[in-house]
PDB file of all heavy atoms in Angstrom:
ATOM      1  N   VAL A   1       0.838  -1.206   0.000  1.00  0.00           N
ATOM      2  CA  VAL A   1       0.000   0.000   0.000  1.00  0.00           C
ATOM      3  C   VAL A   1       0.868   1.249   0.000  1.00  0.00           C
ATOM      4  O   VAL A   1       0.623   2.196  -0.765  1.00  0.00           O
ATOM      5  CB  VAL A   1      -0.942  -0.011   1.221  1.00  0.00           C
ATOM      6  CG1 VAL A   1      -1.649   1.329   1.364  1.00  0.00           C
ATOM      7  CG2 VAL A   1      -1.971  -1.128   1.093  1.00  0.00           C
ATOM      8  N   MET A   2       1.899   1.279   0.860  1.00  0.00           N
ATOM      9  CA  MET A   2       2.766   2.452   0.904  1.00  0.00           C
ATOM     10  C   MET A   2       3.551   2.606  -0.390  1.00  0.00           C
ATOM     11  O   MET A   2       3.693   3.719  -0.914  1.00  0.00           O
ATOM     12  CB  MET A   2       3.713   2.365   2.104  1.00  0.00           C
ATOM     13  CG  MET A   2       4.668   3.557   2.224  1.00  0.00           C
ATOM     14  SD  MET A   2       3.820   5.166   2.377  1.00  0.00           S
ATOM     15  CE  MET A   2       3.454   5.155   4.138  1.00  0.00           C
ATOM     16  N   ARG A   3       4.067   1.521  -0.917  1.00  0.00           N
ATOM     17  CA  ARG A   3       4.803   1.609  -2.184  1.00  0.00           C
ATOM     18  C   ARG A   3       3.895   2.119  -3.304  1.00  0.00           C
ATOM     19  O   ARG A   3       4.323   2.926  -4.141  1.00  0.00           O
ATOM     20  CB  ARG A   3       5.393   0.247  -2.553  1.00  0.00           C
ATOM     21  CG  ARG A   3       6.569  -0.154  -1.689  1.00  0.00           C
ATOM     22  CD  ARG A   3       7.238  -1.432  -2.184  1.00  0.00           C
ATOM     23  NE  ARG A   3       8.382  -1.795  -1.362  1.00  0.00           N
ATOM     24  CZ  ARG A   3       9.604  -1.289  -1.479  1.00  0.00           C
ATOM     25  NH1 ARG A   3       9.845  -0.406  -2.453  1.00  0.00           N
ATOM     26  NH2 ARG A   3      10.583  -1.671  -0.687  1.00  0.00           N
ATOM     27  N   GLY A   4       2.660   1.670  -3.307  1.00  0.00           N
ATOM     28  CA  GLY A   4       1.731   2.146  -4.330  1.00  0.00           C
ATOM     29  C   GLY A   4       1.468   3.632  -4.210  1.00  0.00           C
ATOM     30  O   GLY A   4       1.359   4.341  -5.223  1.00  0.00           O
ATOM     31  N   ALA A   5       1.362   4.128  -2.971  1.00  0.00           N
ATOM     32  CA  ALA A   5       1.130   5.560  -2.760  1.00  0.00           C
ATOM     33  C   ALA A   5       2.341   6.383  -3.190  1.00  0.00           C
ATOM     34  O   ALA A   5       2.197   7.449  -3.812  1.00  0.00           O
ATOM     35  CB  ALA A   5       0.801   5.821  -1.290  1.00  0.00           C
ATOM     36  N   ILE A   6       3.548   5.898  -2.869  1.00  0.00           N
ATOM     37  CA  ILE A   6       4.755   6.626  -3.272  1.00  0.00           C
ATOM     38  C   ILE A   6       4.894   6.628  -4.790  1.00  0.00           C
ATOM     39  O   ILE A   6       5.295   7.635  -5.394  1.00  0.00           O
ATOM     40  CB  ILE A   6       5.996   6.001  -2.605  1.00  0.00           C
ATOM     41  CG1 ILE A   6       5.937   6.189  -1.084  1.00  0.00           C
ATOM     42  CG2 ILE A   6       7.289   6.603  -3.160  1.00  0.00           C
ATOM     43  CD1 ILE A   6       7.024   5.447  -0.322  1.00  0.00           C
ATOM     44  N   ALA A   7       4.544   5.507  -5.427  1.00  0.00           N
ATOM     45  CA  ALA A   7       4.678   5.406  -6.880  1.00  0.00           C
ATOM     46  C   ALA A   7       3.802   6.414  -7.614  1.00  0.00           C
ATOM     47  O   ALA A   7       4.087   6.768  -8.768  1.00  0.00           O
ATOM     48  CB  ALA A   7       4.346   3.988  -7.329  1.00  0.00           C
ATOM     49  N   LYS A   8       2.733   6.881  -6.977  1.00  0.00           N
ATOM     50  CA  LYS A   8       1.857   7.879  -7.616  1.00  0.00           C
ATOM     51  C   LYS A   8       2.457   9.279  -7.607  1.00  0.00           C
ATOM     52  O   LYS A   8       1.962  10.170  -8.308  1.00  0.00           O
ATOM     53  CB  LYS A   8       0.505   7.895  -6.908  1.00  0.00           C
ATOM     54  CG  LYS A   8      -0.302   6.622  -7.085  1.00  0.00           C
ATOM     55  CD  LYS A   8      -1.620   6.679  -6.310  1.00  0.00           C
ATOM     56  CE  LYS A   8      -2.393   5.382  -6.444  1.00  0.00           C
ATOM     57  NZ  LYS A   8      -3.661   5.411  -5.652  1.00  0.00           N
ATOM     58  N   LEU A   9       3.516   9.487  -6.806  1.00  0.00           N
ATOM     59  CA  LEU A   9       4.148  10.799  -6.756  1.00  0.00           C
ATOM     60  C   LEU A   9       5.073  10.971  -7.956  1.00  0.00           C
ATOM     61  O   LEU A   9       5.721  10.012  -8.390  1.00  0.00           O
ATOM     62  CB  LEU A   9       4.965  10.954  -5.472  1.00  0.00           C
ATOM     63  CG  LEU A   9       4.255  10.733  -4.142  1.00  0.00           C
ATOM     64  CD1 LEU A   9       5.249  10.861  -2.990  1.00  0.00           C
ATOM     65  CD2 LEU A   9       3.124  11.726  -3.967  1.00  0.00           C
ATOM     66  N   PRO A  10       5.183  12.172  -8.476  1.00  0.00           N
ATOM     67  CA  PRO A  10       6.171  12.404  -9.547  1.00  0.00           C
ATOM     68  C   PRO A  10       7.578  12.213  -9.005  1.00  0.00           C
ATOM     69  O   PRO A  10       7.904  12.702  -7.915  1.00  0.00           O
ATOM     70  CB  PRO A  10       5.934  13.867  -9.952  1.00  0.00           C
ATOM     71  CG  PRO A  10       4.600  14.237  -9.391  1.00  0.00           C
ATOM     72  CD  PRO A  10       4.402  13.389  -8.172  1.00  0.00           C
ATOM     73  N   ASP A  11       8.413  11.477  -9.728  1.00  0.00           N
ATOM     74  CA  ASP A  11       9.804  11.366  -9.317  1.00  0.00           C
ATOM     75  C   ASP A  11      10.421  12.760  -9.237  1.00  0.00           C
ATOM     76  O   ASP A  11      10.153  13.625 -10.077  1.00  0.00           O
ATOM     77  CB  ASP A  11      10.596  10.530 -10.322  1.00  0.00           C
ATOM     78  CG  ASP A  11      10.431   9.035 -10.094  1.00  0.00           C
ATOM     79  OD1 ASP A  11       9.620   8.661  -9.230  1.00  0.00           O
ATOM     80  OD2 ASP A  11      11.095   8.252 -10.793  1.00  0.00           O
ATOM     81  N   GLY A  12      11.249  12.976  -8.224  1.00  0.00           N
ATOM     82  CA  GLY A  12      11.889  14.274  -8.091  1.00  0.00           C
ATOM     83  C   GLY A  12      12.369  14.515  -6.682  1.00  0.00           C
ATOM     84  O   GLY A  12      12.193  13.679  -5.788  1.00  0.00           O
ATOM     85  N   ASP A  13      13.003  15.671  -6.506  1.00  0.00           N
ATOM     86  CA  ASP A  13      13.484  16.108  -5.200  1.00  0.00           C
ATOM     87  C   ASP A  13      12.640  17.283  -4.730  1.00  0.00           C
ATOM     88  O   ASP A  13      12.441  18.241  -5.490  1.00  0.00           O
ATOM     89  CB  ASP A  13      14.953  16.536  -5.267  1.00  0.00           C
ATOM     90  CG  ASP A  13      15.894  15.389  -5.623  1.00  0.00           C
ATOM     91  OD1 ASP A  13      15.400  14.258  -5.828  1.00  0.00           O
ATOM     92  OD2 ASP A  13      17.109  15.627  -5.692  1.00  0.00           O
ATOM     93  N   TYR A  14      12.178  17.227  -3.500  1.00  0.00           N
ATOM     94  CA  TYR A  14      11.294  18.249  -2.945  1.00  0.00           C
ATOM     95  C   TYR A  14      11.895  18.736  -1.625  1.00  0.00           C
ATOM     96  O   TYR A  14      12.010  17.971  -0.668  1.00  0.00           O
ATOM     97  CB  TYR A  14       9.895  17.685  -2.725  1.00  0.00           C
ATOM     98  CG  TYR A  14       9.317  17.018  -3.954  1.00  0.00           C
ATOM     99  CD1 TYR A  14       9.381  15.631  -4.122  1.00  0.00           C
ATOM    100  CD2 TYR A  14       8.743  17.778  -4.969  1.00  0.00           C
ATOM    101  CE1 TYR A  14       8.861  15.026  -5.254  1.00  0.00           C
ATOM    102  CE2 TYR A  14       8.217  17.177  -6.107  1.00  0.00           C
ATOM    103  CZ  TYR A  14       8.284  15.803  -6.246  1.00  0.00           C
ATOM    104  OH  TYR A  14       7.774  15.207  -7.379  1.00  0.00           O
ATOM    105  N   THR A  15      12.298  19.996  -1.591  1.00  0.00           N
ATOM    106  CA  THR A  15      13.008  20.537  -0.440  1.00  0.00           C
ATOM    107  C   THR A  15      12.199  21.640   0.223  1.00  0.00           C
ATOM    108  O   THR A  15      11.580  22.473  -0.455  1.00  0.00           O
ATOM    109  CB  THR A  15      14.382  21.091  -0.862  1.00  0.00           C
ATOM    110  OG1 THR A  15      15.166  20.039  -1.417  1.00  0.00           O
ATOM    111  CG2 THR A  15      15.137  21.685   0.332  1.00  0.00           C
ATOM    112  N   ALA A  16      12.200  21.646   1.536  1.00  0.00           N
ATOM    113  CA  ALA A  16      11.514  22.689   2.304  1.00  0.00           C
ATOM    114  C   ALA A  16      12.350  23.022   3.536  1.00  0.00           C
ATOM    115  O   ALA A  16      13.070  22.179   4.062  1.00  0.00           O
ATOM    116  CB  ALA A  16      10.117  22.230   2.727  1.00  0.00           C
ATOM    117  N   THR A  17      12.217  24.256   3.976  1.00  0.00           N
ATOM    118  CA  THR A  17      12.913  24.724   5.176  1.00  0.00           C
ATOM    119  C   THR A  17      11.927  25.456   6.073  1.00  0.00           C
ATOM    120  O   THR A  17      11.129  26.267   5.594  1.00  0.00           O
ATOM    121  CB  THR A  17      14.060  25.687   4.816  1.00  0.00           C
ATOM    122  OG1 THR A  17      14.992  25.012   3.968  1.00  0.00           O
ATOM    123  CG2 THR A  17      14.789  26.168   6.064  1.00  0.00           C
ATOM    124  N   THR A  18      11.947  25.149   7.341  1.00  0.00           N
ATOM    125  CA  THR A  18      11.276  25.968   8.354  1.00  0.00           C
ATOM    126  C   THR A  18      12.298  26.229   9.461  1.00  0.00           C
ATOM    127  O   THR A  18      13.447  25.785   9.383  1.00  0.00           O
ATOM    128  CB  THR A  18      10.022  25.288   8.936  1.00  0.00           C
ATOM    129  OG1 THR A  18      10.414  24.161   9.721  1.00  0.00           O
ATOM    130  CG2 THR A  18       9.059  24.855   7.839  1.00  0.00           C
ATOM    131  N   HIS A  19      11.885  26.944  10.485  1.00  0.00           N
ATOM    132  CA  HIS A  19      12.793  27.269  11.579  1.00  0.00           C
ATOM    133  C   HIS A  19      12.111  27.015  12.917  1.00  0.00           C
ATOM    134  O   HIS A  19      10.888  27.135  13.044  1.00  0.00           O
ATOM    135  CB  HIS A  19      13.223  28.737  11.521  1.00  0.00           C
ATOM    136  CG  HIS A  19      14.092  29.063  10.347  1.00  0.00           C
ATOM    137  ND1 HIS A  19      13.579  29.235   9.068  1.00  0.00           N
ATOM    138  CD2 HIS A  19      15.438  29.252  10.251  1.00  0.00           C
ATOM    139  CE1 HIS A  19      14.571  29.510   8.234  1.00  0.00           C
ATOM    140  NE2 HIS A  19      15.701  29.531   8.926  1.00  0.00           N
ATOM    141  N   ILE A  20      12.929  26.668  13.904  1.00  0.00           N
ATOM    142  CA  ILE A  20      12.454  26.636  15.283  1.00  0.00           C
ATOM    143  C   ILE A  20      13.011  27.845  16.018  1.00  0.00           C
ATOM    144  O   ILE A  20      14.055  28.383  15.660  1.00  0.00           O
ATOM    145  CB  ILE A  20      12.835  25.339  16.010  1.00  0.00           C
ATOM    146  CG1 ILE A  20      14.358  25.135  16.045  1.00  0.00           C
ATOM    147  CG2 ILE A  20      12.143  24.150  15.378  1.00  0.00           C
ATOM    148  CD1 ILE A  20      14.812  23.983  16.922  1.00  0.00           C
ATOM    149  N   ASP A  21      12.281  28.253  17.056  1.00  0.00           N
ATOM    150  CA  ASP A  21      12.753  29.377  17.867  1.00  0.00           C
ATOM    151  C   ASP A  21      14.119  29.083  18.476  1.00  0.00           C
ATOM    152  O   ASP A  21      14.993  29.952  18.506  1.00  0.00           O
ATOM    153  CB  ASP A  21      11.789  29.654  19.032  1.00  0.00           C
ATOM    154  CG  ASP A  21      10.422  30.082  18.582  1.00  0.00           C
ATOM    155  OD1 ASP A  21      10.255  30.431  17.401  1.00  0.00           O
ATOM    156  OD2 ASP A  21       9.499  30.047  19.433  1.00  0.00           O
ATOM    157  N   GLY A  22      14.279  27.848  18.968  1.00  0.00           N
ATOM    158  CA  GLY A  22      15.411  27.616  19.840  1.00  0.00           C
ATOM    159  C   GLY A  22      15.251  28.479  21.079  1.00  0.00           C
ATOM    160  O   GLY A  22      14.171  28.553  21.671  1.00  0.00           O
ATOM    161  N   PHE A  23      16.288  29.174  21.420  1.00  0.00           N
ATOM    162  CA  PHE A  23      16.265  30.064  22.591  1.00  0.00           C
ATOM    163  C   PHE A  23      16.362  31.507  22.087  1.00  0.00           C
ATOM    164  O   PHE A  23      17.457  32.028  21.867  1.00  0.00           O
ATOM    165  CB  PHE A  23      17.393  29.705  23.548  1.00  0.00           C
ATOM    166  CG  PHE A  23      17.232  28.338  24.154  1.00  0.00           C
ATOM    167  CD1 PHE A  23      17.632  27.200  23.458  1.00  0.00           C
ATOM    168  CD2 PHE A  23      16.638  28.183  25.390  1.00  0.00           C
ATOM    169  CE1 PHE A  23      17.467  25.943  24.006  1.00  0.00           C
ATOM    170  CE2 PHE A  23      16.464  26.918  25.953  1.00  0.00           C
ATOM    171  CZ  PHE A  23      16.873  25.802  25.251  1.00  0.00           C
ATOM    172  N   LEU A  24      15.212  32.124  21.894  1.00  0.00           N
ATOM    173  CA  LEU A  24      15.165  33.448  21.273  1.00  0.00           C
ATOM    174  C   LEU A  24      15.865  34.507  22.106  1.00  0.00           C
ATOM    175  O   LEU A  24      16.285  35.540  21.568  1.00  0.00           O
ATOM    176  CB  LEU A  24      13.709  33.852  21.022  1.00  0.00           C
ATOM    177  CG  LEU A  24      12.956  33.021  19.977  1.00  0.00           C
ATOM    178  CD1 LEU A  24      11.488  33.418  19.943  1.00  0.00           C
ATOM    179  CD2 LEU A  24      13.581  33.179  18.593  1.00  0.00           C
ATOM    180  N   ASP A  25      15.982  34.278  23.412  1.00  0.00           N
ATOM    181  CA  ASP A  25      16.632  35.254  24.271  1.00  0.00           C
ATOM    182  C   ASP A  25      18.130  34.984  24.429  1.00  0.00           C
ATOM    183  O   ASP A  25      18.802  35.642  25.225  1.00  0.00           O
ATOM    184  CB  ASP A  25      15.970  35.292  25.653  1.00  0.00           C
ATOM    185  CG  ASP A  25      15.867  33.910  26.298  1.00  0.00           C
ATOM    186  OD1 ASP A  25      16.124  32.906  25.611  1.00  0.00           O
ATOM    187  OD2 ASP A  25      15.522  33.847  27.494  1.00  0.00           O
ATOM    188  N   SER A  26      18.665  34.020  23.679  1.00  0.00           N
ATOM    189  CA  SER A  26      20.084  33.700  23.792  1.00  0.00           C
ATOM    190  C   SER A  26      20.911  34.578  22.859  1.00  0.00           C
ATOM    191  O   SER A  26      20.548  34.776  21.688  1.00  0.00           O
ATOM    192  CB  SER A  26      20.340  32.230  23.442  1.00  0.00           C
ATOM    193  OG  SER A  26      21.728  31.959  23.376  1.00  0.00           O
ATOM    194  N   PRO A  27      22.049  35.105  23.326  1.00  0.00           N
ATOM    195  CA  PRO A  27      22.931  35.875  22.434  1.00  0.00           C
ATOM    196  C   PRO A  27      23.725  34.996  21.481  1.00  0.00           C
ATOM    197  O   PRO A  27      24.354  35.506  20.547  1.00  0.00           O
ATOM    198  CB  PRO A  27      23.863  36.592  23.427  1.00  0.00           C
ATOM    199  CG  PRO A  27      23.904  35.693  24.622  1.00  0.00           C
ATOM    200  CD  PRO A  27      22.541  35.071  24.714  1.00  0.00           C
ATOM    201  N   ASP A  28      23.686  33.681  21.715  1.00  0.00           N
ATOM    202  CA  ASP A  28      24.448  32.746  20.884  1.00  0.00           C
ATOM    203  C   ASP A  28      23.638  32.397  19.633  1.00  0.00           C
ATOM    204  O   ASP A  28      22.574  31.774  19.728  1.00  0.00           O
ATOM    205  CB  ASP A  28      24.744  31.477  21.682  1.00  0.00           C
ATOM    206  CG  ASP A  28      25.667  30.517  20.939  1.00  0.00           C
ATOM    207  OD1 ASP A  28      25.877  30.702  19.735  1.00  0.00           O
ATOM    208  OD2 ASP A  28      26.160  29.567  21.586  1.00  0.00           O
ATOM    209  N   PRO A  29      24.109  32.775  18.437  1.00  0.00           N
ATOM    210  CA  PRO A  29      23.339  32.486  17.212  1.00  0.00           C
ATOM    211  C   PRO A  29      23.187  31.002  16.931  1.00  0.00           C
ATOM    212  O   PRO A  29      22.317  30.612  16.147  1.00  0.00           O
ATOM    213  CB  PRO A  29      24.157  33.183  16.114  1.00  0.00           C
ATOM    214  CG  PRO A  29      25.541  33.288  16.675  1.00  0.00           C
ATOM    215  CD  PRO A  29      25.374  33.472  18.152  1.00  0.00           C
ATOM    216  N   LYS A  30      23.995  30.163  17.567  1.00  0.00           N
ATOM    217  CA  LYS A  30      23.868  28.727  17.354  1.00  0.00           C
ATOM    218  C   LYS A  30      22.782  28.099  18.216  1.00  0.00           C
ATOM    219  O   LYS A  30      22.569  26.879  18.163  1.00  0.00           O
ATOM    220  CB  LYS A  30      25.206  28.040  17.635  1.00  0.00           C
ATOM    221  CG  LYS A  30      26.299  28.430  16.643  1.00  0.00           C
ATOM    222  CD  LYS A  30      27.588  27.666  16.918  1.00  0.00           C
ATOM    223  CE  LYS A  30      28.657  28.020  15.901  1.00  0.00           C
ATOM    224  NZ  LYS A  30      29.922  27.266  16.141  1.00  0.00           N
ATOM    225  N   LYS A  31      22.093  28.936  19.009  1.00  0.00           N
ATOM    226  CA  LYS A  31      21.029  28.423  19.878  1.00  0.00           C
ATOM    227  C   LYS A  31      19.665  29.002  19.550  1.00  0.00           C
ATOM    228  O   LYS A  31      18.676  28.639  20.197  1.00  0.00           O
ATOM    229  CB  LYS A  31      21.368  28.702  21.343  1.00  0.00           C
ATOM    230  CG  LYS A  31      22.567  27.932  21.855  1.00  0.00           C
ATOM    231  CD  LYS A  31      22.856  28.222  23.318  1.00  0.00           C
ATOM    232  CE  LYS A  31      24.060  27.419  23.796  1.00  0.00           C
ATOM    233  NZ  LYS A  31      24.417  27.724  25.200  1.00  0.00           N
ATOM    234  N   SER A  32      19.582  29.906  18.584  1.00  0.00           N
ATOM    235  CA  SER A  32      18.286  30.516  18.273  1.00  0.00           C
ATOM    236  C   SER A  32      18.064  30.575  16.770  1.00  0.00           C
ATOM    237  O   SER A  32      19.018  30.591  15.982  1.00  0.00           O
ATOM    238  CB  SER A  32      18.202  31.929  18.867  1.00  0.00           C
ATOM    239  OG  SER A  32      19.112  32.791  18.230  1.00  0.00           O
ATOM    240  N   ARG A  33      16.768  30.562  16.402  1.00  0.00           N
ATOM    241  CA  ARG A  33      16.342  30.678  14.998  1.00  0.00           C
ATOM    242  C   ARG A  33      17.071  29.652  14.123  1.00  0.00           C
ATOM    243  O   ARG A  33      17.760  29.990  13.173  1.00  0.00           O
ATOM    244  CB  ARG A  33      16.553  32.103  14.490  1.00  0.00           C
ATOM    245  CG  ARG A  33      15.834  33.138  15.355  1.00  0.00           C
ATOM    246  CD  ARG A  33      15.998  34.562  14.869  1.00  0.00           C
ATOM    247  NE  ARG A  33      15.313  35.485  15.760  1.00  0.00           N
ATOM    248  CZ  ARG A  33      14.013  35.779  15.720  1.00  0.00           C
ATOM    249  NH1 ARG A  33      13.254  35.212  14.783  1.00  0.00           N
ATOM    250  NH2 ARG A  33      13.466  36.618  16.564  1.00  0.00           N
ATOM    251  N   LEU A  34      16.845  28.394  14.453  1.00  0.00           N
ATOM    252  CA  LEU A  34      17.599  27.299  13.851  1.00  0.00           C
ATOM    253  C   LEU A  34      16.821  26.653  12.708  1.00  0.00           C
ATOM    254  O   LEU A  34      15.625  26.350  12.852  1.00  0.00           O
ATOM    255  CB  LEU A  34      17.917  26.251  14.918  1.00  0.00           C
ATOM    256  CG  LEU A  34      18.684  26.789  16.139  1.00  0.00           C
ATOM    257  CD1 LEU A  34      18.780  25.720  17.212  1.00  0.00           C
ATOM    258  CD2 LEU A  34      20.054  27.281  15.742  1.00  0.00           C
ATOM    259  N   PRO A  35      17.479  26.401  11.570  1.00  0.00           N
ATOM    260  CA  PRO A  35      16.764  25.824  10.423  1.00  0.00           C
ATOM    261  C   PRO A  35      16.584  24.320  10.523  1.00  0.00           C
ATOM    262  O   PRO A  35      17.450  23.592  11.018  1.00  0.00           O
ATOM    263  CB  PRO A  35      17.684  26.181   9.240  1.00  0.00           C
ATOM    264  CG  PRO A  35      19.058  26.239   9.846  1.00  0.00           C
ATOM    265  CD  PRO A  35      18.863  26.783  11.241  1.00  0.00           C
ATOM    266  N   LEU A  36      15.414  23.875  10.073  1.00  0.00           N
ATOM    267  CA  LEU A  36      15.150  22.463   9.817  1.00  0.00           C
ATOM    268  C   LEU A  36      14.960  22.315   8.321  1.00  0.00           C
ATOM    269  O   LEU A  36      14.104  22.985   7.729  1.00  0.00           O
ATOM    270  CB  LEU A  36      13.895  21.991  10.556  1.00  0.00           C
ATOM    271  CG  LEU A  36      13.874  22.134  12.076  1.00  0.00           C
ATOM    272  CD1 LEU A  36      12.528  21.674  12.622  1.00  0.00           C
ATOM    273  CD2 LEU A  36      15.011  21.374  12.728  1.00  0.00           C
ATOM    274  N   VAL A  37      15.758  21.477   7.696  1.00  0.00           N
ATOM    275  CA  VAL A  37      15.737  21.322   6.240  1.00  0.00           C
ATOM    276  C   VAL A  37      15.383  19.882   5.899  1.00  0.00           C
ATOM    277  O   VAL A  37      15.981  18.940   6.437  1.00  0.00           O
ATOM    278  CB  VAL A  37      17.094  21.700   5.613  1.00  0.00           C
ATOM    279  CG1 VAL A  37      17.032  21.557   4.092  1.00  0.00           C
ATOM    280  CG2 VAL A  37      17.483  23.133   5.990  1.00  0.00           C
TER     281      VAL A  37
END
């Protein structure tokens, strides 16, 4: 069933990015506004 559902999708690469807050009050840029890709 899952293979059949995937097979209906067009072959290709689909990329999206969102962000999490992390620690918005932190001065460290590696702890806030972090991307999920």
